[in-house]
Amino acid sequence: MVKHHTREETEKFERDVIARWPLLAAIIFMVVGTMMKNTQTKHLMHIVSQPFWLVNLVLVAAFCFYVYAMAPHSKTTNSLKDAASKGIVAMVIGLMSEAGISVGPFWVIFTLAFFLDGWGGGGEP
């Protein structure tokens, strides 16, 4: 059974997430920075500098901007926000995998689960 959140619960969650992003970003960058070797960095830079990848990144960024900043509030928008957040995490984990970082995905998921309690969306309480 899917739990539907009220508008107030959604707004409180969004304020909490925004307040925690700087710490979350710092932890992610520290984990990635300490685990990456020079060859991994070069390989990752090669991937993200490809025109196809850059075009898709711009499309993802534009879609996320629309969903988070411009879309009207509705149940569908909440589902889109949840899906976009999880999609971004999947992209980060995919890049870590491509760069050969095997432990990084654990720390990303652990950090999200710890700092963004309730991030999983609708589920049983």
PDB file of N, CA and C in Angstrom:
ATOM      1  N   MET A   1       0.845  -1.177   0.000  1.00  0.00           N
ATOM      2  CA  MET A   1       0.000   0.000   0.000  1.00  0.00           C
ATOM      3  C   MET A   1       0.890   1.240   0.000  1.00  0.00           C
ATOM      4  N   VAL A   2       0.590   2.162  -0.864  1.00  0.00           N
ATOM      5  CA  VAL A   2       1.389   3.377  -0.999  1.00  0.00           C
ATOM      6  C   VAL A   2       0.848   4.444  -0.065  1.00  0.00           C
ATOM      7  N   LYS A   3       1.741   5.058   0.691  1.00  0.00           N
ATOM      8  CA  LYS A   3       1.352   6.137   1.603  1.00  0.00           C
ATOM      9  C   LYS A   3       1.431   7.455   0.835  1.00  0.00           C
ATOM     10  N   HIS A   4       0.357   8.209   0.825  1.00  0.00           N
ATOM     11  CA  HIS A   4       0.335   9.510   0.158  1.00  0.00           C
ATOM     12  C   HIS A   4       0.605  10.585   1.202  1.00  0.00           C
ATOM     13  N   HIS A   5       1.556  11.440   0.905  1.00  0.00           N
ATOM     14  CA  HIS A   5       1.951  12.487   1.831  1.00  0.00           C
ATOM     15  C   HIS A   5       1.119  13.737   1.591  1.00  0.00           C
ATOM     16  N   THR A   6       0.834  14.457   2.687  1.00  0.00           N
ATOM     17  CA  THR A   6       0.129  15.721   2.555  1.00  0.00           C
ATOM     18  C   THR A   6       1.080  16.776   2.013  1.00  0.00           C
ATOM     19  N   ARG A   7       0.528  17.871   1.584  1.00  0.00           N
ATOM     20  CA  ARG A   7       1.354  18.963   1.048  1.00  0.00           C
ATOM     21  C   ARG A   7       2.303  19.482   2.124  1.00  0.00           C
ATOM     22  N   GLU A   8       1.828  19.571   3.368  1.00  0.00           N
ATOM     23  CA  GLU A   8       2.674  20.058   4.458  1.00  0.00           C
ATOM     24  C   GLU A   8       3.838  19.109   4.715  1.00  0.00           C
ATOM     25  N   GLU A   9       3.568  17.808   4.679  1.00  0.00           N
ATOM     26  CA  GLU A   9       4.639  16.828   4.865  1.00  0.00           C
ATOM     27  C   GLU A   9       5.666  16.924   3.742  1.00  0.00           C
ATOM     28  N   THR A  10       5.190  17.098   2.532  1.00  0.00           N
ATOM     29  CA  THR A  10       6.085  17.218   1.381  1.00  0.00           C
ATOM     30  C   THR A  10       6.938  18.475   1.491  1.00  0.00           C
ATOM     31  N   GLU A  11       6.320  19.600   1.858  1.00  0.00           N
ATOM     32  CA  GLU A  11       7.073  20.850   1.990  1.00  0.00           C
ATOM     33  C   GLU A  11       8.091  20.762   3.118  1.00  0.00           C
ATOM     34  N   LYS A  12       7.738  20.133   4.246  1.00  0.00           N
ATOM     35  CA  LYS A  12       8.684  19.969   5.349  1.00  0.00           C
ATOM     36  C   LYS A  12       9.856  19.097   4.905  1.00  0.00           C
ATOM     37  N   PHE A  13       9.558  18.019   4.194  1.00  0.00           N
ATOM     38  CA  PHE A  13      10.607  17.142   3.694  1.00  0.00           C
ATOM     39  C   PHE A  13      11.542  17.902   2.758  1.00  0.00           C
ATOM     40  N   GLU A  14      10.981  18.701   1.851  1.00  0.00           N
ATOM     41  CA  GLU A  14      11.809  19.466   0.919  1.00  0.00           C
ATOM     42  C   GLU A  14      12.689  20.475   1.654  1.00  0.00           C
ATOM     43  N   ARG A  15      12.161  21.134   2.693  1.00  0.00           N
ATOM     44  CA  ARG A  15      12.976  22.070   3.484  1.00  0.00           C
ATOM     45  C   ARG A  15      14.100  21.323   4.200  1.00  0.00           C
ATOM     46  N   ASP A  16      13.785  20.144   4.750  1.00  0.00           N
ATOM     47  CA  ASP A  16      14.809  19.350   5.436  1.00  0.00           C
ATOM     48  C   ASP A  16      15.906  18.911   4.473  1.00  0.00           C
ATOM     49  N   VAL A  17      15.521  18.493   3.279  1.00  0.00           N
ATOM     50  CA  VAL A  17      16.500  18.055   2.280  1.00  0.00           C
ATOM     51  C   VAL A  17      17.396  19.221   1.882  1.00  0.00           C
ATOM     52  N   ILE A  18      16.801  20.377   1.629  1.00  0.00           N
ATOM     53  CA  ILE A  18      17.585  21.550   1.243  1.00  0.00           C
ATOM     54  C   ILE A  18      18.555  21.927   2.350  1.00  0.00           C
ATOM     55  N   ALA A  19      18.138  21.827   3.600  1.00  0.00           N
ATOM     56  CA  ALA A  19      19.016  22.177   4.716  1.00  0.00           C
ATOM     57  C   ALA A  19      20.183  21.202   4.850  1.00  0.00           C
ATOM     58  N   ARG A  20      20.002  19.967   4.422  1.00  0.00           N
ATOM     59  CA  ARG A  20      21.040  18.951   4.587  1.00  0.00           C
ATOM     60  C   ARG A  20      21.948  18.789   3.370  1.00  0.00           C
ATOM     61  N   TRP A  21      21.625  19.376   2.227  1.00  0.00           N
ATOM     62  CA  TRP A  21      22.405  19.170   1.003  1.00  0.00           C
ATOM     63  C   TRP A  21      23.872  19.546   1.124  1.00  0.00           C
ATOM     64  N   PRO A  22      24.238  20.662   1.759  1.00  0.00           N
ATOM     65  CA  PRO A  22      25.672  20.980   1.833  1.00  0.00           C
ATOM     66  C   PRO A  22      26.491  19.884   2.518  1.00  0.00           C
ATOM     67  N   LEU A  23      25.974  19.363   3.625  1.00  0.00           N
ATOM     68  CA  LEU A  23      26.684  18.295   4.327  1.00  0.00           C
ATOM     69  C   LEU A  23      26.726  17.027   3.481  1.00  0.00           C
ATOM     70  N   LEU A  24      25.612  16.710   2.859  1.00  0.00           N
ATOM     71  CA  LEU A  24      25.549  15.528   2.011  1.00  0.00           C
ATOM     72  C   LEU A  24      26.526  15.636   0.844  1.00  0.00           C
ATOM     73  N   ALA A  25      26.550  16.780   0.196  1.00  0.00           N
ATOM     74  CA  ALA A  25      27.467  16.980  -0.930  1.00  0.00           C
ATOM     75  C   ALA A  25      28.919  16.878  -0.481  1.00  0.00           C
ATOM     76  N   ALA A  26      29.236  17.434   0.678  1.00  0.00           N
ATOM     77  CA  ALA A  26      30.613  17.368   1.183  1.00  0.00           C
ATOM     78  C   ALA A  26      31.029  15.917   1.431  1.00  0.00           C
ATOM     79  N   ILE A  27      30.147  15.131   2.007  1.00  0.00           N
ATOM     80  CA  ILE A  27      30.467  13.725   2.281  1.00  0.00           C
ATOM     81  C   ILE A  27      30.667  12.970   0.977  1.00  0.00           C
ATOM     82  N   ILE A  28      29.786  13.182   0.017  1.00  0.00           N
ATOM     83  CA  ILE A  28      29.912  12.479  -1.266  1.00  0.00           C
ATOM     84  C   ILE A  28      31.216  12.857  -1.956  1.00  0.00           C
ATOM     85  N   PHE A  29      31.536  14.158  -1.995  1.00  0.00           N
ATOM     86  CA  PHE A  29      32.768  14.581  -2.651  1.00  0.00           C
ATOM     87  C   PHE A  29      33.998  14.055  -1.931  1.00  0.00           C
ATOM     88  N   MET A  30      33.956  13.978  -0.602  1.00  0.00           N
ATOM     89  CA  MET A  30      35.103  13.424   0.131  1.00  0.00           C
ATOM     90  C   MET A  30      35.294  11.952  -0.202  1.00  0.00           C
ATOM     91  N   VAL A  31      34.204  11.199  -0.218  1.00  0.00           N
ATOM     92  CA  VAL A  31      34.291   9.770  -0.516  1.00  0.00           C
ATOM     93  C   VAL A  31      34.826   9.558  -1.925  1.00  0.00           C
ATOM     94  N   VAL A  32      34.241  10.251  -2.881  1.00  0.00           N
ATOM     95  CA  VAL A  32      34.678  10.097  -4.270  1.00  0.00           C
ATOM     96  C   VAL A  32      36.119  10.576  -4.429  1.00  0.00           C
ATOM     97  N   GLY A  33      36.445  11.715  -3.839  1.00  0.00           N
ATOM     98  CA  GLY A  33      37.794  12.276  -3.967  1.00  0.00           C
ATOM     99  C   GLY A  33      38.870  11.396  -3.377  1.00  0.00           C
ATOM    100  N   THR A  34      38.585  10.771  -2.243  1.00  0.00           N
ATOM    101  CA  THR A  34      39.601   9.937  -1.618  1.00  0.00           C
ATOM    102  C   THR A  34      39.743   8.584  -2.305  1.00  0.00           C
ATOM    103  N   MET A  35      38.728   8.157  -3.020  1.00  0.00           N
ATOM    104  CA  MET A  35      38.773   6.830  -3.617  1.00  0.00           C
ATOM    105  C   MET A  35      39.284   6.834  -5.054  1.00  0.00           C
ATOM    106  N   MET A  36      39.280   7.981  -5.691  1.00  0.00           N
ATOM    107  CA  MET A  36      39.652   8.020  -7.103  1.00  0.00           C
ATOM    108  C   MET A  36      41.158   8.154  -7.281  1.00  0.00           C
ATOM    109  N   LYS A  37      41.673   7.360  -8.182  1.00  0.00           N
ATOM    110  CA  LYS A  37      43.078   7.450  -8.549  1.00  0.00           C
ATOM    111  C   LYS A  37      43.178   8.287  -9.820  1.00  0.00           C
ATOM    112  N   ASN A  38      44.376   8.648 -10.184  1.00  0.00           N
ATOM    113  CA  ASN A  38      44.584   9.488 -11.352  1.00  0.00           C
ATOM    114  C   ASN A  38      44.035   8.840 -12.624  1.00  0.00           C
ATOM    115  N   THR A  39      44.245   7.535 -12.804  1.00  0.00           N
ATOM    116  CA  THR A  39      43.746   6.871 -14.009  1.00  0.00           C
ATOM    117  C   THR A  39      42.221   6.847 -14.023  1.00  0.00           C
ATOM    118  N   GLN A  40      41.611   6.693 -12.862  1.00  0.00           N
ATOM    119  CA  GLN A  40      40.160   6.707 -12.780  1.00  0.00           C
ATOM    120  C   GLN A  40      39.618   8.091 -13.135  1.00  0.00           C
ATOM    121  N   THR A  41      40.297   9.126 -12.666  1.00  0.00           N
ATOM    122  CA  THR A  41      39.880  10.492 -12.973  1.00  0.00           C
ATOM    123  C   THR A  41      39.960  10.747 -14.470  1.00  0.00           C
ATOM    124  N   LYS A  42      41.051  10.322 -15.098  1.00  0.00           N
ATOM    125  CA  LYS A  42      41.191  10.501 -16.545  1.00  0.00           C
ATOM    126  C   LYS A  42      40.091   9.766 -17.303  1.00  0.00           C
ATOM    127  N   HIS A  43      39.806   8.547 -16.889  1.00  0.00           N
ATOM    128  CA  HIS A  43      38.766   7.762 -17.549  1.00  0.00           C
ATOM    129  C   HIS A  43      37.402   8.439 -17.391  1.00  0.00           C
ATOM    130  N   LEU A  44      37.095   8.897 -16.198  1.00  0.00           N
ATOM    131  CA  LEU A  44      35.827   9.570 -15.942  1.00  0.00           C
ATOM    132  C   LEU A  44      35.722  10.869 -16.744  1.00  0.00           C
ATOM    133  N   MET A  45      36.803  11.627 -16.812  1.00  0.00           N
ATOM    134  CA  MET A  45      36.808  12.863 -17.596  1.00  0.00           C
ATOM    135  C   MET A  45      36.609  12.576 -19.082  1.00  0.00           C
ATOM    136  N   HIS A  46      37.170  11.465 -19.546  1.00  0.00           N
ATOM    137  CA  HIS A  46      36.973  11.068 -20.944  1.00  0.00           C
ATOM    138  C   HIS A  46      35.492  10.802 -21.214  1.00  0.00           C
ATOM    139  N   ILE A  47      34.838  10.131 -20.299  1.00  0.00           N
ATOM    140  CA  ILE A  47      33.420   9.802 -20.465  1.00  0.00           C
ATOM    141  C   ILE A  47      32.568  11.070 -20.469  1.00  0.00           C
ATOM    142  N   VAL A  48      32.753  11.919 -19.464  1.00  0.00           N
ATOM    143  CA  VAL A  48      31.880  13.094 -19.338  1.00  0.00           C
ATOM    144  C   VAL A  48      32.188  14.180 -20.356  1.00  0.00           C
ATOM    145  N   SER A  49      33.288  14.064 -21.072  1.00  0.00           N
ATOM    146  CA  SER A  49      33.597  15.066 -22.093  1.00  0.00           C
ATOM    147  C   SER A  49      33.046  14.687 -23.476  1.00  0.00           C
ATOM    148  N   GLN A  50      32.431  13.534 -23.587  1.00  0.00           N
ATOM    149  CA  GLN A  50      31.850  13.107 -24.856  1.00  0.00           C
ATOM    150  C   GLN A  50      30.599  13.942 -25.152  1.00  0.00           C
ATOM    151  N   PRO A  51      30.436  14.426 -26.385  1.00  0.00           N
ATOM    152  CA  PRO A  51      29.272  15.266 -26.718  1.00  0.00           C
ATOM    153  C   PRO A  51      27.928  14.593 -26.414  1.00  0.00           C
ATOM    154  N   PHE A  52      27.805  13.303 -26.716  1.00  0.00           N
ATOM    155  CA  PHE A  52      26.550  12.594 -26.451  1.00  0.00           C
ATOM    156  C   PHE A  52      26.217  12.627 -24.961  1.00  0.00           C
ATOM    157  N   TRP A  53      27.216  12.393 -24.135  1.00  0.00           N
ATOM    158  CA  TRP A  53      27.005  12.388 -22.696  1.00  0.00           C
ATOM    159  C   TRP A  53      26.639  13.789 -22.206  1.00  0.00           C
ATOM    160  N   LEU A  54      27.310  14.792 -22.715  1.00  0.00           N
ATOM    161  CA  LEU A  54      27.033  16.170 -22.302  1.00  0.00           C
ATOM    162  C   LEU A  54      25.622  16.605 -22.694  1.00  0.00           C
ATOM    163  N   VAL A  55      25.190  16.249 -23.890  1.00  0.00           N
ATOM    164  CA  VAL A  55      23.824  16.588 -24.326  1.00  0.00           C
ATOM    165  C   VAL A  55      22.809  15.931 -23.399  1.00  0.00           C
ATOM    166  N   ASN A  56      23.024  14.664 -23.090  1.00  0.00           N
ATOM    167  CA  ASN A  56      22.098  13.980 -22.187  1.00  0.00           C
ATOM    168  C   ASN A  56      22.133  14.573 -20.787  1.00  0.00           C
ATOM    169  N   LEU A  57      23.297  14.987 -20.321  1.00  0.00           N
ATOM    170  CA  LEU A  57      23.388  15.626 -19.008  1.00  0.00           C
ATOM    171  C   LEU A  57      22.594  16.932 -18.988  1.00  0.00           C
ATOM    172  N   VAL A  58      22.683  17.708 -20.058  1.00  0.00           N
ATOM    173  CA  VAL A  58      21.911  18.955 -20.148  1.00  0.00           C
ATOM    174  C   VAL A  58      20.409  18.650 -20.137  1.00  0.00           C
ATOM    175  N   LEU A  59      19.990  17.602 -20.861  1.00  0.00           N
ATOM    176  CA  LEU A  59      18.580  17.218 -20.858  1.00  0.00           C
ATOM    177  C   LEU A  59      18.114  16.779 -19.464  1.00  0.00           C
ATOM    178  N   VAL A  60      18.928  16.005 -18.790  1.00  0.00           N
ATOM    179  CA  VAL A  60      18.591  15.571 -17.425  1.00  0.00           C
ATOM    180  C   VAL A  60      18.499  16.780 -16.500  1.00  0.00           C
ATOM    181  N   ALA A  61      19.466  17.695 -16.587  1.00  0.00           N
ATOM    182  CA  ALA A  61      19.464  18.886 -15.745  1.00  0.00           C
ATOM    183  C   ALA A  61      18.231  19.753 -16.021  1.00  0.00           C
ATOM    184  N   ALA A  62      17.879  19.920 -17.297  1.00  0.00           N
ATOM    185  CA  ALA A  62      16.703  20.718 -17.639  1.00  0.00           C
ATOM    186  C   ALA A  62      15.422  20.069 -17.119  1.00  0.00           C
ATOM    187  N   PHE A  63      15.328  18.758 -17.265  1.00  0.00           N
ATOM    188  CA  PHE A  63      14.158  18.046 -16.759  1.00  0.00           C
ATOM    189  C   PHE A  63      14.055  18.177 -15.245  1.00  0.00           C
ATOM    190  N   CYS A  64      15.163  17.991 -14.541  1.00  0.00           N
ATOM    191  CA  CYS A  64      15.158  18.104 -13.080  1.00  0.00           C
ATOM    192  C   CYS A  64      14.808  19.522 -12.642  1.00  0.00           C
ATOM    193  N   PHE A  65      15.330  20.525 -13.336  1.00  0.00           N
ATOM    194  CA  PHE A  65      14.993  21.911 -13.019  1.00  0.00           C
ATOM    195  C   PHE A  65      13.493  22.130 -13.168  1.00  0.00           C
ATOM    196  N   TYR A  66      12.914  21.627 -14.242  1.00  0.00           N
ATOM    197  CA  TYR A  66      11.472  21.768 -14.441  1.00  0.00           C
ATOM    198  C   TYR A  66      10.702  21.085 -13.311  1.00  0.00           C
ATOM    199  N   VAL A  67      11.059  19.850 -13.015  1.00  0.00           N
ATOM    200  CA  VAL A  67      10.326  19.081 -12.006  1.00  0.00           C
ATOM    201  C   VAL A  67      10.426  19.749 -10.629  1.00  0.00           C
ATOM    202  N   TYR A  68      11.615  20.203 -10.257  1.00  0.00           N
ATOM    203  CA  TYR A  68      11.808  20.757  -8.919  1.00  0.00           C
ATOM    204  C   TYR A  68      11.388  22.217  -8.792  1.00  0.00           C
ATOM    205  N   ALA A  69      11.521  23.007  -9.852  1.00  0.00           N
ATOM    206  CA  ALA A  69      11.305  24.438  -9.707  1.00  0.00           C
ATOM    207  C   ALA A  69      10.054  24.967 -10.394  1.00  0.00           C
ATOM    208  N   MET A  70       9.602  24.322 -11.430  1.00  0.00           N
ATOM    209  CA  MET A  70       8.550  24.936 -12.228  1.00  0.00           C
ATOM    210  C   MET A  70       7.250  24.144 -12.292  1.00  0.00           C
ATOM    211  N   ALA A  71       7.289  22.866 -12.044  1.00  0.00           N
ATOM    212  CA  ALA A  71       6.086  22.044 -12.187  1.00  0.00           C
ATOM    213  C   ALA A  71       5.079  22.375 -11.085  1.00  0.00           C
ATOM    214  N   PRO A  72       3.792  22.408 -11.426  1.00  0.00           N
ATOM    215  CA  PRO A  72       2.774  22.676 -10.398  1.00  0.00           C
ATOM    216  C   PRO A  72       2.703  21.520  -9.403  1.00  0.00           C
ATOM    217  N   HIS A  73       2.310  21.835  -8.172  1.00  0.00           N
ATOM    218  CA  HIS A  73       2.252  20.828  -7.115  1.00  0.00           C
ATOM    219  C   HIS A  73       1.098  19.859  -7.376  1.00  0.00           C
ATOM    220  N   SER A  74       1.431  18.568  -7.415  1.00  0.00           N
ATOM    221  CA  SER A  74       0.415  17.528  -7.573  1.00  0.00           C
ATOM    222  C   SER A  74       1.029  16.197  -7.154  1.00  0.00           C
ATOM    223  N   LYS A  75       0.196  15.164  -7.113  1.00  0.00           N
ATOM    224  CA  LYS A  75       0.708  13.833  -6.790  1.00  0.00           C
ATOM    225  C   LYS A  75       1.696  13.361  -7.858  1.00  0.00           C
ATOM    226  N   THR A  76       1.398  13.686  -9.102  1.00  0.00           N
ATOM    227  CA  THR A  76       2.289  13.299 -10.192  1.00  0.00           C
ATOM    228  C   THR A  76       3.638  13.995 -10.058  1.00  0.00           C
ATOM    229  N   THR A  77       3.618  15.270  -9.693  1.00  0.00           N
ATOM    230  CA  THR A  77       4.868  16.009  -9.515  1.00  0.00           C
ATOM    231  C   THR A  77       5.688  15.410  -8.386  1.00  0.00           C
ATOM    232  N   ASN A  78       5.032  15.022  -7.303  1.00  0.00           N
ATOM    233  CA  ASN A  78       5.760  14.382  -6.197  1.00  0.00           C
ATOM    234  C   ASN A  78       6.418  13.087  -6.664  1.00  0.00           C
ATOM    235  N   SER A  79       5.715  12.321  -7.472  1.00  0.00           N
ATOM    236  CA  SER A  79       6.284  11.082  -8.012  1.00  0.00           C
ATOM    237  C   SER A  79       7.454  11.390  -8.940  1.00  0.00           C
ATOM    238  N   LEU A  80       7.322  12.451  -9.749  1.00  0.00           N
ATOM    239  CA  LEU A  80       8.410  12.843 -10.638  1.00  0.00           C
ATOM    240  C   LEU A  80       9.637  13.296  -9.852  1.00  0.00           C
ATOM    241  N   LYS A  81       9.428  14.039  -8.765  1.00  0.00           N
ATOM    242  CA  LYS A  81      10.544  14.495  -7.928  1.00  0.00           C
ATOM    243  C   LYS A  81      11.269  13.294  -7.322  1.00  0.00           C
ATOM    244  N   ASP A  82      10.494  12.344  -6.820  1.00  0.00           N
ATOM    245  CA  ASP A  82      11.080  11.148  -6.229  1.00  0.00           C
ATOM    246  C   ASP A  82      11.874  10.360  -7.275  1.00  0.00           C
ATOM    247  N   ALA A  83      11.281  10.193  -8.455  1.00  0.00           N
ATOM    248  CA  ALA A  83      11.958   9.456  -9.524  1.00  0.00           C
ATOM    249  C   ALA A  83      13.208  10.191 -10.005  1.00  0.00           C
ATOM    250  N   ALA A  84      13.146  11.516 -10.110  1.00  0.00           N
ATOM    251  CA  ALA A  84      14.312  12.286 -10.557  1.00  0.00           C
ATOM    252  C   ALA A  84      15.446  12.179  -9.546  1.00  0.00           C
ATOM    253  N   SER A  85      15.113  12.249  -8.259  1.00  0.00           N
ATOM    254  CA  SER A  85      16.142  12.119  -7.220  1.00  0.00           C
ATOM    255  C   SER A  85      16.828  10.766  -7.297  1.00  0.00           C
ATOM    256  N   LYS A  86      16.046   9.732  -7.437  1.00  0.00           N
ATOM    257  CA  LYS A  86      16.618   8.385  -7.518  1.00  0.00           C
ATOM    258  C   LYS A  86      17.389   8.186  -8.819  1.00  0.00           C
ATOM    259  N   GLY A  87      16.932   8.816  -9.888  1.00  0.00           N
ATOM    260  CA  GLY A  87      17.652   8.741 -11.146  1.00  0.00           C
ATOM    261  C   GLY A  87      19.019   9.402 -11.068  1.00  0.00           C
ATOM    262  N   ILE A  88      19.098  10.531 -10.365  1.00  0.00           N
ATOM    263  CA  ILE A  88      20.378  11.211 -10.185  1.00  0.00           C
ATOM    264  C   ILE A  88      21.336  10.325  -9.397  1.00  0.00           C
ATOM    265  N   VAL A  89      20.832   9.681  -8.357  1.00  0.00           N
ATOM    266  CA  VAL A  89      21.676   8.770  -7.575  1.00  0.00           C
ATOM    267  C   VAL A  89      22.139   7.613  -8.454  1.00  0.00           C
ATOM    268  N   ALA A  90      21.256   7.089  -9.288  1.00  0.00           N
ATOM    269  CA  ALA A  90      21.640   5.999 -10.194  1.00  0.00           C
ATOM    270  C   ALA A  90      22.731   6.453 -11.154  1.00  0.00           C
ATOM    271  N   MET A  91      22.645   7.694 -11.642  1.00  0.00           N
ATOM    272  CA  MET A  91      23.671   8.198 -12.542  1.00  0.00           C
ATOM    273  C   MET A  91      25.009   8.326 -11.828  1.00  0.00           C
ATOM    274  N   VAL A  92      24.997   8.815 -10.591  1.00  0.00           N
ATOM    275  CA  VAL A  92      26.237   8.926  -9.812  1.00  0.00           C
ATOM    276  C   VAL A  92      26.846   7.544  -9.590  1.00  0.00           C
ATOM    277  N   ILE A  93      26.007   6.575  -9.236  1.00  0.00           N
ATOM    278  CA  ILE A  93      26.500   5.212  -9.011  1.00  0.00           C
ATOM    279  C   ILE A  93      27.027   4.612 -10.309  1.00  0.00           C
ATOM    280  N   GLY A  94      26.358   4.873 -11.425  1.00  0.00           N
ATOM    281  CA  GLY A  94      26.847   4.391 -12.719  1.00  0.00           C
ATOM    282  C   GLY A  94      28.209   4.975 -13.072  1.00  0.00           C
ATOM    283  N   LEU A  95      28.390   6.260 -12.803  1.00  0.00           N
ATOM    284  CA  LEU A  95      29.693   6.883 -13.055  1.00  0.00           C
ATOM    285  C   LEU A  95      30.768   6.295 -12.146  1.00  0.00           C
ATOM    286  N   MET A  96      30.429   6.033 -10.896  1.00  0.00           N
ATOM    287  CA  MET A  96      31.389   5.403  -9.985  1.00  0.00           C
ATOM    288  C   MET A  96      31.775   4.022 -10.500  1.00  0.00           C
ATOM    289  N   SER A  97      30.800   3.285 -10.958  1.00  0.00           N
ATOM    290  CA  SER A  97      31.072   1.950 -11.486  1.00  0.00           C
ATOM    291  C   SER A  97      31.971   2.027 -12.714  1.00  0.00           C
ATOM    292  N   GLU A  98      31.675   2.954 -13.606  1.00  0.00           N
ATOM    293  CA  GLU A  98      32.485   3.114 -14.822  1.00  0.00           C
ATOM    294  C   GLU A  98      33.912   3.515 -14.477  1.00  0.00           C
ATOM    295  N   ALA A  99      34.081   4.269 -13.384  1.00  0.00           N
ATOM    296  CA  ALA A  99      35.418   4.697 -12.972  1.00  0.00           C
ATOM    297  C   ALA A  99      36.126   3.625 -12.143  1.00  0.00           C
ATOM    298  N   GLY A 100      35.440   2.531 -11.839  1.00  0.00           N
ATOM    299  CA  GLY A 100      36.072   1.452 -11.084  1.00  0.00           C
ATOM    300  C   GLY A 100      36.053   1.659  -9.579  1.00  0.00           C
ATOM    301  N   ILE A 101      35.149   2.466  -9.099  1.00  0.00           N
ATOM    302  CA  ILE A 101      35.038   2.697  -7.654  1.00  0.00           C
ATOM    303  C   ILE A 101      34.000   1.719  -7.122  1.00  0.00           C
ATOM    304  N   SER A 102      34.448   0.692  -6.438  1.00  0.00           N
ATOM    305  CA  SER A 102      33.533  -0.372  -6.041  1.00  0.00           C
ATOM    306  C   SER A 102      32.864  -0.141  -4.687  1.00  0.00           C
ATOM    307  N   VAL A 103      33.466   0.604  -3.795  1.00  0.00           N
ATOM    308  CA  VAL A 103      32.898   0.819  -2.461  1.00  0.00           C
ATOM    309  C   VAL A 103      32.069   2.103  -2.404  1.00  0.00           C
ATOM    310  N   GLY A 104      32.307   3.019  -3.312  1.00  0.00           N
ATOM    311  CA  GLY A 104      31.618   4.304  -3.319  1.00  0.00           C
ATOM    312  C   GLY A 104      30.103   4.211  -3.331  1.00  0.00           C
ATOM    313  N   PRO A 105      29.501   3.331  -4.155  1.00  0.00           N
ATOM    314  CA  PRO A 105      28.037   3.244  -4.151  1.00  0.00           C
ATOM    315  C   PRO A 105      27.454   2.914  -2.777  1.00  0.00           C
ATOM    316  N   PHE A 106      28.139   2.069  -2.013  1.00  0.00           N
ATOM    317  CA  PHE A 106      27.667   1.783  -0.654  1.00  0.00           C
ATOM    318  C   PHE A 106      27.575   3.065   0.159  1.00  0.00           C
ATOM    319  N   TRP A 107      28.623   3.875   0.116  1.00  0.00           N
ATOM    320  CA  TRP A 107      28.649   5.097   0.925  1.00  0.00           C
ATOM    321  C   TRP A 107      27.636   6.119   0.432  1.00  0.00           C
ATOM    322  N   VAL A 108      27.386   6.167  -0.864  1.00  0.00           N
ATOM    323  CA  VAL A 108      26.361   7.077  -1.375  1.00  0.00           C
ATOM    324  C   VAL A 108      24.991   6.671  -0.840  1.00  0.00           C
ATOM    325  N   ILE A 109      24.654   5.396  -0.969  1.00  0.00           N
ATOM    326  CA  ILE A 109      23.353   4.920  -0.486  1.00  0.00           C
ATOM    327  C   ILE A 109      23.251   5.050   1.032  1.00  0.00           C
ATOM    328  N   PHE A 110      24.315   4.706   1.744  1.00  0.00           N
ATOM    329  CA  PHE A 110      24.311   4.846   3.196  1.00  0.00           C
ATOM    330  C   PHE A 110      24.073   6.305   3.605  1.00  0.00           C
ATOM    331  N   THR A 111      24.774   7.228   2.965  1.00  0.00           N
ATOM    332  CA  THR A 111      24.642   8.641   3.297  1.00  0.00           C
ATOM    333  C   THR A 111      23.231   9.134   3.005  1.00  0.00           C
ATOM    334  N   LEU A 112      22.689   8.746   1.867  1.00  0.00           N
ATOM    335  CA  LEU A 112      21.320   9.151   1.547  1.00  0.00           C
ATOM    336  C   LEU A 112      20.322   8.581   2.549  1.00  0.00           C
ATOM    337  N   ALA A 113      20.472   7.318   2.881  1.00  0.00           N
ATOM    338  CA  ALA A 113      19.547   6.698   3.819  1.00  0.00           C
ATOM    339  C   ALA A 113      19.658   7.320   5.210  1.00  0.00           C
ATOM    340  N   PHE A 114      20.858   7.696   5.612  1.00  0.00           N
ATOM    341  CA  PHE A 114      21.065   8.252   6.944  1.00  0.00           C
ATOM    342  C   PHE A 114      20.607   9.702   7.040  1.00  0.00           C
ATOM    343  N   PHE A 115      21.039  10.526   6.093  1.00  0.00           N
ATOM    344  CA  PHE A 115      20.760  11.956   6.183  1.00  0.00           C
ATOM    345  C   PHE A 115      19.413  12.353   5.605  1.00  0.00           C
ATOM    346  N   LEU A 116      18.898  11.591   4.685  1.00  0.00           N
ATOM    347  CA  LEU A 116      17.630  11.943   4.056  1.00  0.00           C
ATOM    348  C   LEU A 116      16.565  10.937   4.447  1.00  0.00           C
ATOM    349  N   ASP A 117      16.359  10.780   5.753  1.00  0.00           N
ATOM    350  CA  ASP A 117      15.375   9.822   6.232  1.00  0.00           C
ATOM    351  C   ASP A 117      14.037  10.099   5.563  1.00  0.00           C
ATOM    352  N   GLY A 118      13.395   9.041   5.117  1.00  0.00           N
ATOM    353  CA  GLY A 118      12.153   9.169   4.399  1.00  0.00           C
ATOM    354  C   GLY A 118      12.340   9.377   2.915  1.00  0.00           C
ATOM    355  N   TRP A 119      13.588   9.336   2.430  1.00  0.00           N
ATOM    356  CA  TRP A 119      13.861   9.627   1.030  1.00  0.00           C
ATOM    357  C   TRP A 119      13.243   8.592   0.112  1.00  0.00           C
ATOM    358  N   GLY A 120      12.959   7.410   0.625  1.00  0.00           N
ATOM    359  CA  GLY A 120      12.468   6.335  -0.208  1.00  0.00           C
ATOM    360  C   GLY A 120      11.075   6.543  -0.759  1.00  0.00           C
ATOM    361  N   GLY A 121      10.387   7.571  -0.321  1.00  0.00           N
ATOM    362  CA  GLY A 121       9.052   7.840  -0.870  1.00  0.00           C
ATOM    363  C   GLY A 121       7.990   7.043  -0.154  1.00  0.00           C
ATOM    364  N   GLY A 122       6.930   6.739  -0.887  1.00  0.00           N
ATOM    365  CA  GLY A 122       5.775   6.100  -0.293  1.00  0.00           C
ATOM    366  C   GLY A 122       6.001   4.634  -0.018  1.00  0.00           C
ATOM    367  N   GLY A 123       5.821   4.248   1.177  1.00  0.00           N
ATOM    368  CA  GLY A 123       5.916   2.860   1.587  1.00  0.00           C
ATOM    369  C   GLY A 123       5.220   2.732   2.920  1.00  0.00           C
ATOM    370  N   GLU A 124       5.228   1.566   3.460  1.00  0.00           N
ATOM    371  CA  GLU A 124       4.631   1.378   4.775  1.00  0.00           C
ATOM    372  C   GLU A 124       5.434   2.100   5.823  1.00  0.00           C
ATOM    373  N   PRO A 125       4.804   2.726   6.802  1.00  0.00           N
ATOM    374  CA  PRO A 125       5.551   3.429   7.875  1.00  0.00           C
ATOM    375  C   PRO A 125       6.306   2.507   8.771  1.00  0.00           C
TER     376      PRO A 125
END
